[in-house]
C-alpha atoms as a PDB file:
ATOM      1  CA  VAL A   1       0.000   0.000   0.000  1.00  0.00           C
ATOM      2  CA  ASN A   2       0.940   3.662  -0.218  1.00  0.00           C
ATOM      3  CA  GLY A   3      -0.518   6.540   1.736  1.00  0.00           C
ATOM      4  CA  ASP A   4      -0.575  10.310   1.907  1.00  0.00           C
ATOM      5  CA  GLY A   5      -2.502  13.267   3.279  1.00  0.00           C
ATOM      6  CA  LEU A   6      -4.860  15.511   1.297  1.00  0.00           C
ATOM      7  CA  LYS A   7      -5.945  18.949   2.516  1.00  0.00           C
ATOM      8  CA  PHE A   8      -9.444  20.097   1.533  1.00  0.00           C
ATOM      9  CA  ASP A   9      -8.421  23.744   1.730  1.00  0.00           C
ATOM     10  CA  ARG A  10     -11.228  25.062  -0.480  1.00  0.00           C
ATOM     11  CA  LEU A  11     -13.814  24.320   2.207  1.00  0.00           C
ATOM     12  CA  TRP A  12     -14.565  25.859   5.610  1.00  0.00           C
ATOM     13  CA  VAL A  13     -15.485  23.106   8.050  1.00  0.00           C
ATOM     14  CA  ARG A  14     -17.044  23.189  11.521  1.00  0.00           C
ATOM     15  CA  PHE A  15     -15.682  20.452  13.770  1.00  0.00           C
ATOM     16  CA  PRO A  16     -17.577  18.925  16.729  1.00  0.00           C
ATOM     17  CA  ASP A  17     -15.749  21.177  19.216  1.00  0.00           C
ATOM     18  CA  GLY A  18     -17.102  24.254  17.392  1.00  0.00           C
ATOM     19  CA  GLU A  19     -13.861  25.319  15.707  1.00  0.00           C
ATOM     20  CA  VAL A  20     -14.286  26.484  12.101  1.00  0.00           C
ATOM     21  CA  ILE A  21     -11.188  26.159   9.874  1.00  0.00           C
ATOM     22  CA  ASN A  22     -10.276  25.557   6.240  1.00  0.00           C
ATOM     23  CA  THR A  23      -7.482  23.066   6.910  1.00  0.00           C
ATOM     24  CA  ALA A  24      -9.545  19.851   7.072  1.00  0.00           C
ATOM     25  CA  THR A  25      -7.246  17.043   5.983  1.00  0.00           C
ATOM     26  CA  GLY A  26      -7.695  13.389   5.143  1.00  0.00           C
ATOM     27  CA  TRP A  27      -5.170  10.564   5.274  1.00  0.00           C
ATOM     28  CA  PHE A  28      -5.769   8.007   2.527  1.00  0.00           C
ATOM     29  CA  TRP A  29      -4.422   4.494   2.013  1.00  0.00           C
ATOM     30  CA  GLN A  30      -4.294   2.963  -1.485  1.00  0.00           C
ATOM     31  CA  ASP A  31      -3.493  -0.529  -2.735  1.00  0.00           C
ATOM     32  CA  LEU A  32      -0.531  -0.336  -5.100  1.00  0.00           C
ATOM     33  CA  ARG A  33      -1.601  -3.046  -7.551  1.00  0.00           C
ATOM     34  CA  SER A  34      -5.263  -2.201  -8.048  1.00  0.00           C
ATOM     35  CA  ARG A  35      -5.026   1.533  -7.098  1.00  0.00           C
ATOM     36  CA  LYS A  36      -8.182   1.145  -4.991  1.00  0.00           C
ATOM     37  CA  VAL A  37      -8.447   3.533  -2.027  1.00  0.00           C
ATOM     38  CA  LEU A  38      -8.803   1.133   0.890  1.00  0.00           C
ATOM     39  CA  ALA A  39      -9.207   3.383   3.943  1.00  0.00           C
ATOM     40  CA  TRP A  40      -9.220   7.017   5.017  1.00  0.00           C
ATOM     41  CA  ARG A  41      -9.847   9.359   7.962  1.00  0.00           C
ATOM     42  CA  LEU A  42     -10.453  13.102   8.369  1.00  0.00           C
ATOM     43  CA  ASP A  43      -9.153  15.558  10.961  1.00  0.00           C
ATOM     44  CA  LYS A  44      -8.436  19.259  11.381  1.00  0.00           C
ATOM     45  CA  THR A  45      -4.852  18.909  10.131  1.00  0.00           C
ATOM     46  CA  GLU A  46      -2.417  16.231   9.042  1.00  0.00           C
ATOM     47  CA  ASN A  47      -1.078  14.729  12.258  1.00  0.00           C
ATOM     48  CA  THR A  48       0.195  11.456  13.660  1.00  0.00           C
ATOM     49  CA  ASP A  49      -3.122  10.555  15.309  1.00  0.00           C
ATOM     50  CA  LEU A  50      -4.876  10.945  11.944  1.00  0.00           C
ATOM     51  CA  PHE A  51      -2.237   8.716  10.337  1.00  0.00           C
ATOM     52  CA  ARG A  52      -2.496   6.172  13.155  1.00  0.00           C
ATOM     53  CA  LEU A  53      -6.315   5.935  13.077  1.00  0.00           C
ATOM     54  CA  ALA A  54      -6.460   5.753   9.271  1.00  0.00           C
ATOM     55  CA  THR A  55      -4.012   2.865   9.572  1.00  0.00           C
ATOM     56  CA  TYR A  56      -6.354   1.245  12.108  1.00  0.00           C
ATOM     57  CA  ASP A  57      -9.108   1.441   9.474  1.00  0.00           C
ATOM     58  CA  LEU A  58      -6.737  -0.038   6.884  1.00  0.00           C
ATOM     59  CA  THR A  59      -6.001  -3.030   9.116  1.00  0.00           C
ATOM     60  CA  GLY A  60      -9.706  -3.880   9.029  1.00  0.00           C
ATOM     61  CA  VAL A  61      -9.290  -4.520   5.291  1.00  0.00           C
ATOM     62  CA  CYS A  62      -5.904  -6.204   4.955  1.00  0.00           C
ATOM     63  CA  ALA A  63      -2.497  -6.756   6.536  1.00  0.00           C
ATOM     64  CA  PRO A  64      -0.004  -4.974   4.240  1.00  0.00           C
ATOM     65  CA  GLU A  65       3.498  -6.367   3.883  1.00  0.00           C
ATOM     66  CA  HIS A  66       4.993  -3.209   2.355  1.00  0.00           C
ATOM     67  CA  VAL A  67       4.089   0.423   3.033  1.00  0.00           C
ATOM     68  CA  TYR A  68       5.277   3.420   0.982  1.00  0.00           C
ATOM     69  CA  LEU A  69       5.269   6.847   2.679  1.00  0.00           C
ATOM     70  CA  ASP A  70       6.858  10.254   2.386  1.00  0.00           C
ATOM     71  CA  ASN A  71       9.603  10.864   4.933  1.00  0.00           C
ATOM     72  CA  THR A  72       7.589  13.462   6.862  1.00  0.00           C
ATOM     73  CA  ARG A  73       7.237  14.183  10.576  1.00  0.00           C
ATOM     74  CA  VAL A  74       3.678  12.828  10.521  1.00  0.00           C
ATOM     75  CA  ALA A  75       4.681   9.377   9.259  1.00  0.00           C
ATOM     76  CA  ALA A  76       8.388   9.060  10.041  1.00  0.00           C
ATOM     77  CA  ASN A  77       8.036   9.443  13.803  1.00  0.00           C
ATOM     78  CA  LYS A  78       8.986   7.154  16.644  1.00  0.00           C
ATOM     79  CA  VAL A  79       5.471   6.054  17.550  1.00  0.00           C
ATOM     80  CA  MET A  80       4.674   4.767  14.064  1.00  0.00           C
ATOM     81  CA  THR A  81       7.948   3.873  12.373  1.00  0.00           C
ATOM     82  CA  ALA A  82      10.746   3.564  14.952  1.00  0.00           C
ATOM     83  CA  GLY A  83      13.044   0.699  13.995  1.00  0.00           C
ATOM     84  CA  ASN A  84      12.671   1.203  10.246  1.00  0.00           C
ATOM     85  CA  GLY A  85      15.744   2.066   8.195  1.00  0.00           C
ATOM     86  CA  ASN A  86      16.141   5.425   6.427  1.00  0.00           C
ATOM     87  CA  ARG A  87      13.847   7.175   8.913  1.00  0.00           C
ATOM     88  CA  HIS A  88      15.677  10.515   8.719  1.00  0.00           C
ATOM     89  CA  ARG A  89      13.483  12.188  11.330  1.00  0.00           C
ATOM     90  CA  PHE A  90      14.071  12.667  15.067  1.00  0.00           C
ATOM     91  CA  LYS A  91      17.069  11.294  16.956  1.00  0.00           C
ATOM     92  CA  HIS A  92      17.505   7.536  17.127  1.00  0.00           C
ATOM     93  CA  ASP A  93      17.571   6.167  20.665  1.00  0.00           C
ATOM     94  CA  PRO A  94      17.936   2.542  21.857  1.00  0.00           C
ATOM     95  CA  GLU A  95      14.955   3.147  24.178  1.00  0.00           C
ATOM     96  CA  ASP A  96      12.631   4.043  21.301  1.00  0.00           C
ATOM     97  CA  GLY A  97      11.443   0.479  20.944  1.00  0.00           C
ATOM     98  CA  MET A  98       9.619  -0.620  17.814  1.00  0.00           C
ATOM     99  CA  GLY A  99       7.137   1.508  15.897  1.00  0.00           C
ATOM    100  CA  LEU A 100       3.552   0.358  15.547  1.00  0.00           C
ATOM    101  CA  LEU A 101       3.890  -0.447  11.843  1.00  0.00           C
ATOM    102  CA  ALA A 102       6.911  -2.654  12.448  1.00  0.00           C
ATOM    103  CA  MET A 103       5.113  -4.351  15.354  1.00  0.00           C
ATOM    104  CA  LEU A 104       2.354  -5.273  12.896  1.00  0.00           C
ATOM    105  CA  GLY A 105       4.823  -6.691  10.374  1.00  0.00           C
ATOM    106  CA  MET A 106       4.742  -3.811   7.881  1.00  0.00           C
ATOM    107  CA  LYS A 107       7.984  -2.972   6.089  1.00  0.00           C
ATOM    108  CA  VAL A 108       8.119   0.800   5.582  1.00  0.00           C
ATOM    109  CA  HIS A 109       9.719   2.317   2.471  1.00  0.00           C
ATOM    110  CA  PHE A 110      10.256   6.078   2.580  1.00  0.00           C
ATOM    111  CA  THR A 111       9.944   8.176  -0.565  1.00  0.00           C
ATOM    112  CA  ASN A 112      11.365  11.665  -0.890  1.00  0.00           C
ATOM    113  CA  PRO A 113       8.807  14.492  -1.193  1.00  0.00           C
ATOM    114  CA  ASP A 114      11.493  17.138  -1.712  1.00  0.00           C
ATOM    115  CA  LYS A 115      11.164  18.867  -5.093  1.00  0.00           C
ATOM    116  CA  GLU A 116      14.930  19.323  -5.475  1.00  0.00           C
ATOM    117  CA  SER A 117      16.182  15.810  -4.752  1.00  0.00           C
ATOM    118  CA  GLY A 118      13.077  13.666  -5.260  1.00  0.00           C
ATOM    119  CA  ASN A 119       9.829  13.383  -7.148  1.00  0.00           C
ATOM    120  CA  PRO A 120       6.911  14.567  -4.973  1.00  0.00           C
ATOM    121  CA  GLY A 121       4.455  12.774  -7.290  1.00  0.00           C
ATOM    122  CA  ALA A 122       6.227   9.430  -7.164  1.00  0.00           C
ATOM    123  CA  LYS A 123       3.527   7.621  -5.185  1.00  0.00           C
ATOM    124  CA  PRO A 124       0.503   6.439  -7.207  1.00  0.00           C
ATOM    125  CA  ILE A 125      -1.906   7.925  -4.661  1.00  0.00           C
ATOM    126  CA  GLU A 126      -0.764  11.388  -5.759  1.00  0.00           C
ATOM    127  CA  ARG A 127      -2.661  10.798  -9.006  1.00  0.00           C
ATOM    128  CA  ALA A 128      -5.854  10.129  -7.030  1.00  0.00           C
ATOM    129  CA  PHE A 129      -5.502  13.630  -5.573  1.00  0.00           C
ATOM    130  CA  GLY A 130      -4.546  15.519  -8.752  1.00  0.00           C
ATOM    131  CA  ILE A 131      -6.544  17.106 -11.582  1.00  0.00           C
ATOM    132  CA  GLY A 132      -9.952  15.446 -11.729  1.00  0.00           C
ATOM    133  CA  GLY A 133      -9.197  13.550  -8.522  1.00  0.00           C
ATOM    134  CA  LEU A 134     -10.690  13.623  -5.049  1.00  0.00           C
ATOM    135  CA  HIS A 135      -9.694  17.220  -4.304  1.00  0.00           C
ATOM    136  CA  ASP A 136     -11.433  18.492  -7.436  1.00  0.00           C
ATOM    137  CA  LYS A 137     -14.543  16.366  -6.897  1.00  0.00           C
ATOM    138  CA  VAL A 138     -15.278  17.097  -3.236  1.00  0.00           C
ATOM    139  CA  ALA A 139     -15.309  20.917  -3.202  1.00  0.00           C
ATOM    140  CA  PRO A 140     -17.889  21.422  -6.033  1.00  0.00           C
ATOM    141  CA  HIS A 141     -20.087  18.507  -4.948  1.00  0.00           C
ATOM    142  CA  PRO A 142     -23.839  19.204  -5.431  1.00  0.00           C
ATOM    143  CA  MET A 143     -24.477  18.544  -1.734  1.00  0.00           C
ATOM    144  CA  LEU A 144     -22.331  21.606  -0.994  1.00  0.00           C
ATOM    145  CA  GLU A 145     -24.140  24.070  -3.249  1.00  0.00           C
ATOM    146  CA  GLY A 146     -23.936  27.481  -1.593  1.00  0.00           C
ATOM    147  CA  LYS A 147     -22.129  26.076   1.441  1.00  0.00           C
ATOM    148  CA  GLY A 148     -18.608  25.637   2.712  1.00  0.00           C
ATOM    149  CA  HIS A 149     -16.851  28.284   0.642  1.00  0.00           C
ATOM    150  CA  SER A 150     -16.810  30.951   3.348  1.00  0.00           C
ATOM    151  CA  LYS A 151     -16.417  30.901   7.108  1.00  0.00           C
ATOM    152  CA  ALA A 152     -19.992  32.161   7.538  1.00  0.00           C
ATOM    153  CA  LYS A 153     -21.341  29.197   5.560  1.00  0.00           C
ATOM    154  CA  ALA A 154     -19.101  26.507   7.019  1.00  0.00           C
ATOM    155  CA  ILE A 155     -20.240  22.886   6.734  1.00  0.00           C
ATOM    156  CA  ASP A 156     -20.191  20.282   9.485  1.00  0.00           C
ATOM    157  CA  ALA A 157     -17.303  17.810   9.504  1.00  0.00           C
ATOM    158  CA  ALA A 158     -19.861  14.981   9.301  1.00  0.00           C
ATOM    159  CA  LEU A 159     -21.126  16.324   5.959  1.00  0.00           C
ATOM    160  CA  LEU A 160     -17.588  16.527   4.590  1.00  0.00           C
ATOM    161  CA  ALA A 161     -16.994  12.919   5.659  1.00  0.00           C
ATOM    162  CA  GLU A 162     -20.214  11.838   3.926  1.00  0.00           C
ATOM    163  CA  ILE A 163     -19.179  13.496   0.670  1.00  0.00           C
ATOM    164  CA  VAL A 164     -15.633  12.102   0.828  1.00  0.00           C
ATOM    165  CA  ALA A 165     -17.100   8.611   1.285  1.00  0.00           C
ATOM    166  CA  ILE A 166     -19.298   9.099  -1.794  1.00  0.00           C
ATOM    167  CA  GLU A 167     -16.415  10.353  -3.923  1.00  0.00           C
ATOM    168  CA  VAL A 168     -13.992   7.638  -2.781  1.00  0.00           C
ATOM    169  CA  ALA A 169     -16.566   4.987  -3.721  1.00  0.00           C
ATOM    170  CA  ARG A 170     -17.098   6.647  -7.109  1.00  0.00           C
ATOM    171  CA  HIS A 171     -13.339   6.961  -7.639  1.00  0.00           C
ATOM    172  CA  ASN A 172     -12.879   3.241  -6.989  1.00  0.00           C
ATOM    173  CA  ALA A 173     -15.836   2.187  -9.175  1.00  0.00           C
ATOM    174  CA  GLN A 174     -15.058   4.273 -12.277  1.00  0.00           C
ATOM    175  CA  THR A 175     -14.435   1.961 -15.225  1.00  0.00           C
ATOM    176  CA  GLY A 176     -12.036   2.486 -18.129  1.00  0.00           C
ATOM    177  CA  ARG A 177      -9.013   3.178 -15.950  1.00  0.00           C
ATOM    178  CA  ARG A 178      -5.779   3.322 -17.950  1.00  0.00           C
ATOM    179  CA  THR A 179      -3.464   1.527 -15.545  1.00  0.00           C
ATOM    180  CA  ALA A 180      -1.568  -1.623 -16.499  1.00  0.00           C
ATOM    181  CA  GLU A 181      -3.945  -3.768 -14.457  1.00  0.00           C
ATOM    182  CA  CYS A 182      -7.163  -2.069 -15.599  1.00  0.00           C
ATOM    183  CA  GLY A 183      -6.177  -2.021 -19.279  1.00  0.00           C
ATOM    184  CA  GLY A 184      -8.510   0.832 -20.121  1.00  0.00           C
ATOM    185  CA  ILE A 185     -11.524  -1.338 -19.285  1.00  0.00           C
ATOM    186  CA  LEU A 186     -11.726  -2.237 -15.604  1.00  0.00           C
ATOM    187  CA  SER A 187     -12.192  -0.165 -12.467  1.00  0.00           C
ATOM    188  CA  PHE A 188      -9.952  -0.180  -9.410  1.00  0.00           C
ATOM    189  CA  ASP A 189     -12.714  -2.113  -7.633  1.00  0.00           C
ATOM    190  CA  ASP A 190     -12.664  -4.753 -10.392  1.00  0.00           C
ATOM    191  CA  VAL A 191      -8.912  -5.322 -10.113  1.00  0.00           C
ATOM    192  CA  TRP A 192      -9.084  -5.469  -6.304  1.00  0.00           C
ATOM    193  CA  ARG A 193     -11.912  -8.018  -6.493  1.00  0.00           C
ATOM    194  CA  ASP A 194      -9.989 -10.164  -8.999  1.00  0.00           C
ATOM    195  CA  GLY A 195      -6.949 -10.047  -6.738  1.00  0.00           C
ATOM    196  CA  LEU A 196      -8.977 -11.235  -3.741  1.00  0.00           C
ATOM    197  CA  ALA A 197     -10.153 -14.245  -5.748  1.00  0.00           C
ATOM    198  CA  SER A 198      -6.591 -15.348  -6.503  1.00  0.00           C
ATOM    199  CA  ARG A 199      -4.950 -14.323  -3.245  1.00  0.00           C
ATOM    200  CA  PRO A 200      -7.143 -13.445  -0.245  1.00  0.00           C
ATOM    201  CA  PRO A 201      -5.369 -10.882   1.937  1.00  0.00           C
ATOM    202  CA  GLN A 202      -3.939 -11.684   5.323  1.00  0.00           C
ATOM    203  CA  VAL A 203      -5.867 -10.119   8.190  1.00  0.00           C
ATOM    204  CA  TYR A 204      -5.038  -9.033  11.730  1.00  0.00           C
ATOM    205  CA  THR A 205      -6.560 -10.228  14.965  1.00  0.00           C
ATOM    206  CA  LYS A 206      -8.596  -7.811  17.052  1.00  0.00           C
ATOM    207  CA  ALA A 207      -5.756  -7.612  19.596  1.00  0.00           C
ATOM    208  CA  GLN A 208      -3.242  -6.713  16.883  1.00  0.00           C
ATOM    209  CA  ARG A 209      -5.467  -3.968  15.483  1.00  0.00           C
ATOM    210  CA  GLN A 210      -6.019  -2.506  18.953  1.00  0.00           C
ATOM    211  CA  LEU A 211      -2.307  -1.641  19.133  1.00  0.00           C
ATOM    212  CA  LEU A 212      -3.172   1.225  16.786  1.00  0.00           C
ATOM    213  CA  LEU A 213      -5.717   2.601  19.261  1.00  0.00           C
ATOM    214  CA  MET A 214      -2.923   3.298  21.728  1.00  0.00           C
ATOM    215  CA  SER A 215      -0.133   5.820  21.605  1.00  0.00           C
ATOM    216  CA  ARG A 216       3.059   5.845  23.622  1.00  0.00           C
ATOM    217  CA  GLU A 217       5.865   8.153  24.609  1.00  0.00           C
ATOM    218  CA  VAL A 218       9.327   7.598  26.071  1.00  0.00           C
ATOM    219  CA  VAL A 219       9.282   9.356  29.456  1.00  0.00           C
ATOM    220  CA  THR A 220      11.693  10.253  32.225  1.00  0.00           C
ATOM    221  CA  ILE A 221      10.995   8.772  35.667  1.00  0.00           C
ATOM    222  CA  ARG A 222      12.259  11.028  38.441  1.00  0.00           C
ATOM    223  CA  GLN A 223      13.841   9.795  41.669  1.00  0.00           C
ATOM    224  CA  ASP A 224      10.635  10.607  43.550  1.00  0.00           C
ATOM    225  CA  GLY A 225       8.655   8.348  41.191  1.00  0.00           C
ATOM    226  CA  GLY A 226       7.149  11.201  39.176  1.00  0.00           C
ATOM    227  CA  ILE A 227       6.743  10.798  35.416  1.00  0.00           C
ATOM    228  CA  VAL A 228       7.376  13.725  33.069  1.00  0.00           C
ATOM    229  CA  LEU A 229       5.136  13.915  29.970  1.00  0.00           C
ATOM    230  CA  ALA A 230       5.485  16.298  27.022  1.00  0.00           C
ATOM    231  CA  ALA A 231       1.818  17.316  27.037  1.00  0.00           C
ATOM    232  CA  GLY A 232       1.691  20.030  24.394  1.00  0.00           C
ATOM    233  CA  ARG A 233       3.273  23.463  24.400  1.00  0.00           C
END
Protein backbone atom coordinates (compact mmCIF):
# COMPACT_ATOMS: atom_id res chain seq x y z
CA VAL A 1 0.00 0.00 0.00
CA ASN A 2 0.94 3.66 -0.22
CA GLY A 3 -0.52 6.54 1.74
CA ASP A 4 -0.57 10.31 1.91
CA GLY A 5 -2.50 13.27 3.28
CA LEU A 6 -4.86 15.51 1.30
CA LYS A 7 -5.95 18.95 2.52
CA PHE A 8 -9.44 20.10 1.53
CA ASP A 9 -8.42 23.74 1.73
CA ARG A 10 -11.23 25.06 -0.48
CA LEU A 11 -13.81 24.32 2.21
CA TRP A 12 -14.56 25.86 5.61
CA VAL A 13 -15.49 23.11 8.05
CA ARG A 14 -17.04 23.19 11.52
CA PHE A 15 -15.68 20.45 13.77
CA PRO A 16 -17.58 18.92 16.73
CA ASP A 17 -15.75 21.18 19.22
CA GLY A 18 -17.10 24.25 17.39
CA GLU A 19 -13.86 25.32 15.71
CA VAL A 20 -14.29 26.48 12.10
CA ILE A 21 -11.19 26.16 9.87
CA ASN A 22 -10.28 25.56 6.24
CA THR A 23 -7.48 23.07 6.91
CA ALA A 24 -9.54 19.85 7.07
CA THR A 25 -7.25 17.04 5.98
CA GLY A 26 -7.70 13.39 5.14
CA TRP A 27 -5.17 10.56 5.27
CA PHE A 28 -5.77 8.01 2.53
CA TRP A 29 -4.42 4.49 2.01
CA GLN A 30 -4.29 2.96 -1.48
CA ASP A 31 -3.49 -0.53 -2.74
CA LEU A 32 -0.53 -0.34 -5.10
CA ARG A 33 -1.60 -3.05 -7.55
CA SER A 34 -5.26 -2.20 -8.05
CA ARG A 35 -5.03 1.53 -7.10
CA LYS A 36 -8.18 1.14 -4.99
CA VAL A 37 -8.45 3.53 -2.03
CA LEU A 38 -8.80 1.13 0.89
CA ALA A 39 -9.21 3.38 3.94
CA TRP A 40 -9.22 7.02 5.02
CA ARG A 41 -9.85 9.36 7.96
CA LEU A 42 -10.45 13.10 8.37
CA ASP A 43 -9.15 15.56 10.96
CA LYS A 44 -8.44 19.26 11.38
CA THR A 45 -4.85 18.91 10.13
CA GLU A 46 -2.42 16.23 9.04
CA ASN A 47 -1.08 14.73 12.26
CA THR A 48 0.20 11.46 13.66
CA ASP A 49 -3.12 10.55 15.31
CA LEU A 50 -4.88 10.94 11.94
CA PHE A 51 -2.24 8.72 10.34
CA ARG A 52 -2.50 6.17 13.16
CA LEU A 53 -6.31 5.93 13.08
CA ALA A 54 -6.46 5.75 9.27
CA THR A 55 -4.01 2.86 9.57
CA TYR A 56 -6.35 1.25 12.11
CA ASP A 57 -9.11 1.44 9.47
CA LEU A 58 -6.74 -0.04 6.88
CA THR A 59 -6.00 -3.03 9.12
CA GLY A 60 -9.71 -3.88 9.03
CA VAL A 61 -9.29 -4.52 5.29
CA CYS A 62 -5.90 -6.20 4.95
CA ALA A 63 -2.50 -6.76 6.54
CA PRO A 64 0.00 -4.97 4.24
CA GLU A 65 3.50 -6.37 3.88
CA HIS A 66 4.99 -3.21 2.36
CA VAL A 67 4.09 0.42 3.03
CA TYR A 68 5.28 3.42 0.98
CA LEU A 69 5.27 6.85 2.68
CA ASP A 70 6.86 10.25 2.39
CA ASN A 71 9.60 10.86 4.93
CA THR A 72 7.59 13.46 6.86
CA ARG A 73 7.24 14.18 10.58
CA VAL A 74 3.68 12.83 10.52
CA ALA A 75 4.68 9.38 9.26
CA ALA A 76 8.39 9.06 10.04
CA ASN A 77 8.04 9.44 13.80
CA LYS A 78 8.99 7.15 16.64
CA VAL A 79 5.47 6.05 17.55
CA MET A 80 4.67 4.77 14.06
CA THR A 81 7.95 3.87 12.37
CA ALA A 82 10.75 3.56 14.95
CA GLY A 83 13.04 0.70 14.00
CA ASN A 84 12.67 1.20 10.25
CA GLY A 85 15.74 2.07 8.19
CA ASN A 86 16.14 5.43 6.43
CA ARG A 87 13.85 7.17 8.91
CA HIS A 88 15.68 10.52 8.72
CA ARG A 89 13.48 12.19 11.33
CA PHE A 90 14.07 12.67 15.07
CA LYS A 91 17.07 11.29 16.96
CA HIS A 92 17.51 7.54 17.13
CA ASP A 93 17.57 6.17 20.67
CA PRO A 94 17.94 2.54 21.86
CA GLU A 95 14.95 3.15 24.18
CA ASP A 96 12.63 4.04 21.30
CA GLY A 97 11.44 0.48 20.94
CA MET A 98 9.62 -0.62 17.81
CA GLY A 99 7.14 1.51 15.90
CA LEU A 100 3.55 0.36 15.55
CA LEU A 101 3.89 -0.45 11.84
CA ALA A 102 6.91 -2.65 12.45
CA MET A 103 5.11 -4.35 15.35
CA LEU A 104 2.35 -5.27 12.90
CA GLY A 105 4.82 -6.69 10.37
CA MET A 106 4.74 -3.81 7.88
CA LYS A 107 7.98 -2.97 6.09
CA VAL A 108 8.12 0.80 5.58
CA HIS A 109 9.72 2.32 2.47
CA PHE A 110 10.26 6.08 2.58
CA THR A 111 9.94 8.18 -0.57
CA ASN A 112 11.37 11.66 -0.89
CA PRO A 113 8.81 14.49 -1.19
CA ASP A 114 11.49 17.14 -1.71
CA LYS A 115 11.16 18.87 -5.09
CA GLU A 116 14.93 19.32 -5.48
CA SER A 117 16.18 15.81 -4.75
CA GLY A 118 13.08 13.67 -5.26
CA ASN A 119 9.83 13.38 -7.15
CA PRO A 120 6.91 14.57 -4.97
CA GLY A 121 4.45 12.77 -7.29
CA ALA A 122 6.23 9.43 -7.16
CA LYS A 123 3.53 7.62 -5.18
CA PRO A 124 0.50 6.44 -7.21
CA ILE A 125 -1.91 7.92 -4.66
CA GLU A 126 -0.76 11.39 -5.76
CA ARG A 127 -2.66 10.80 -9.01
CA ALA A 128 -5.85 10.13 -7.03
CA PHE A 129 -5.50 13.63 -5.57
CA GLY A 130 -4.55 15.52 -8.75
CA ILE A 131 -6.54 17.11 -11.58
CA GLY A 132 -9.95 15.45 -11.73
CA GLY A 133 -9.20 13.55 -8.52
CA LEU A 134 -10.69 13.62 -5.05
CA HIS A 135 -9.69 17.22 -4.30
CA ASP A 136 -11.43 18.49 -7.44
CA LYS A 137 -14.54 16.37 -6.90
CA VAL A 138 -15.28 17.10 -3.24
CA ALA A 139 -15.31 20.92 -3.20
CA PRO A 140 -17.89 21.42 -6.03
CA HIS A 141 -20.09 18.51 -4.95
CA PRO A 142 -23.84 19.20 -5.43
CA MET A 143 -24.48 18.54 -1.73
CA LEU A 144 -22.33 21.61 -0.99
CA GLU A 145 -24.14 24.07 -3.25
CA GLY A 146 -23.94 27.48 -1.59
CA LYS A 147 -22.13 26.08 1.44
CA GLY A 148 -18.61 25.64 2.71
CA HIS A 149 -16.85 28.28 0.64
CA SER A 150 -16.81 30.95 3.35
CA LYS A 151 -16.42 30.90 7.11
CA ALA A 152 -19.99 32.16 7.54
CA LYS A 153 -21.34 29.20 5.56
CA ALA A 154 -19.10 26.51 7.02
CA ILE A 155 -20.24 22.89 6.73
CA ASP A 156 -20.19 20.28 9.49
CA ALA A 157 -17.30 17.81 9.50
CA ALA A 158 -19.86 14.98 9.30
CA LEU A 159 -21.13 16.32 5.96
CA LEU A 160 -17.59 16.53 4.59
CA ALA A 161 -16.99 12.92 5.66
CA GLU A 162 -20.21 11.84 3.93
CA ILE A 163 -19.18 13.50 0.67
CA VAL A 164 -15.63 12.10 0.83
CA ALA A 165 -17.10 8.61 1.29
CA ILE A 166 -19.30 9.10 -1.79
CA GLU A 167 -16.42 10.35 -3.92
CA VAL A 168 -13.99 7.64 -2.78
CA ALA A 169 -16.57 4.99 -3.72
CA ARG A 170 -17.10 6.65 -7.11
CA HIS A 171 -13.34 6.96 -7.64
CA ASN A 172 -12.88 3.24 -6.99
CA ALA A 173 -15.84 2.19 -9.18
CA GLN A 174 -15.06 4.27 -12.28
CA THR A 175 -14.43 1.96 -15.23
CA GLY A 176 -12.04 2.49 -18.13
CA ARG A 177 -9.01 3.18 -15.95
CA ARG A 178 -5.78 3.32 -17.95
CA THR A 179 -3.46 1.53 -15.55
CA ALA A 180 -1.57 -1.62 -16.50
CA GLU A 181 -3.95 -3.77 -14.46
CA CYS A 182 -7.16 -2.07 -15.60
CA GLY A 183 -6.18 -2.02 -19.28
CA GLY A 184 -8.51 0.83 -20.12
CA ILE A 185 -11.52 -1.34 -19.29
CA LEU A 186 -11.73 -2.24 -15.60
CA SER A 187 -12.19 -0.16 -12.47
CA PHE A 188 -9.95 -0.18 -9.41
CA ASP A 189 -12.71 -2.11 -7.63
CA ASP A 190 -12.66 -4.75 -10.39
CA VAL A 191 -8.91 -5.32 -10.11
CA TRP A 192 -9.08 -5.47 -6.30
CA ARG A 193 -11.91 -8.02 -6.49
CA ASP A 194 -9.99 -10.16 -9.00
CA GLY A 195 -6.95 -10.05 -6.74
CA LEU A 196 -8.98 -11.24 -3.74
CA ALA A 197 -10.15 -14.24 -5.75
CA SER A 198 -6.59 -15.35 -6.50
CA ARG A 199 -4.95 -14.32 -3.25
CA PRO A 200 -7.14 -13.45 -0.25
CA PRO A 201 -5.37 -10.88 1.94
CA GLN A 202 -3.94 -11.68 5.32
CA VAL A 203 -5.87 -10.12 8.19
CA TYR A 204 -5.04 -9.03 11.73
CA THR A 205 -6.56 -10.23 14.97
CA LYS A 206 -8.60 -7.81 17.05
CA ALA A 207 -5.76 -7.61 19.60
CA GLN A 208 -3.24 -6.71 16.88
CA ARG A 209 -5.47 -3.97 15.48
CA GLN A 210 -6.02 -2.51 18.95
CA LEU A 211 -2.31 -1.64 19.13
CA LEU A 212 -3.17 1.22 16.79
CA LEU A 213 -5.72 2.60 19.26
CA MET A 214 -2.92 3.30 21.73
CA SER A 215 -0.13 5.82 21.60
CA ARG A 216 3.06 5.85 23.62
CA GLU A 217 5.86 8.15 24.61
CA VAL A 218 9.33 7.60 26.07
CA VAL A 219 9.28 9.36 29.46
CA THR A 220 11.69 10.25 32.22
CA ILE A 221 11.00 8.77 35.67
CA ARG A 222 12.26 11.03 38.44
CA GLN A 223 13.84 9.79 41.67
CA ASP A 224 10.63 10.61 43.55
CA GLY A 225 8.66 8.35 41.19
CA GLY A 226 7.15 11.20 39.18
CA ILE A 227 6.74 10.80 35.42
CA VAL A 228 7.38 13.72 33.07
CA LEU A 229 5.14 13.92 29.97
CA ALA A 230 5.48 16.30 27.02
CA ALA A 231 1.82 17.32 27.04
CA GLY A 232 1.69 20.03 24.39
CA ARG A 233 3.27 23.46 24.40
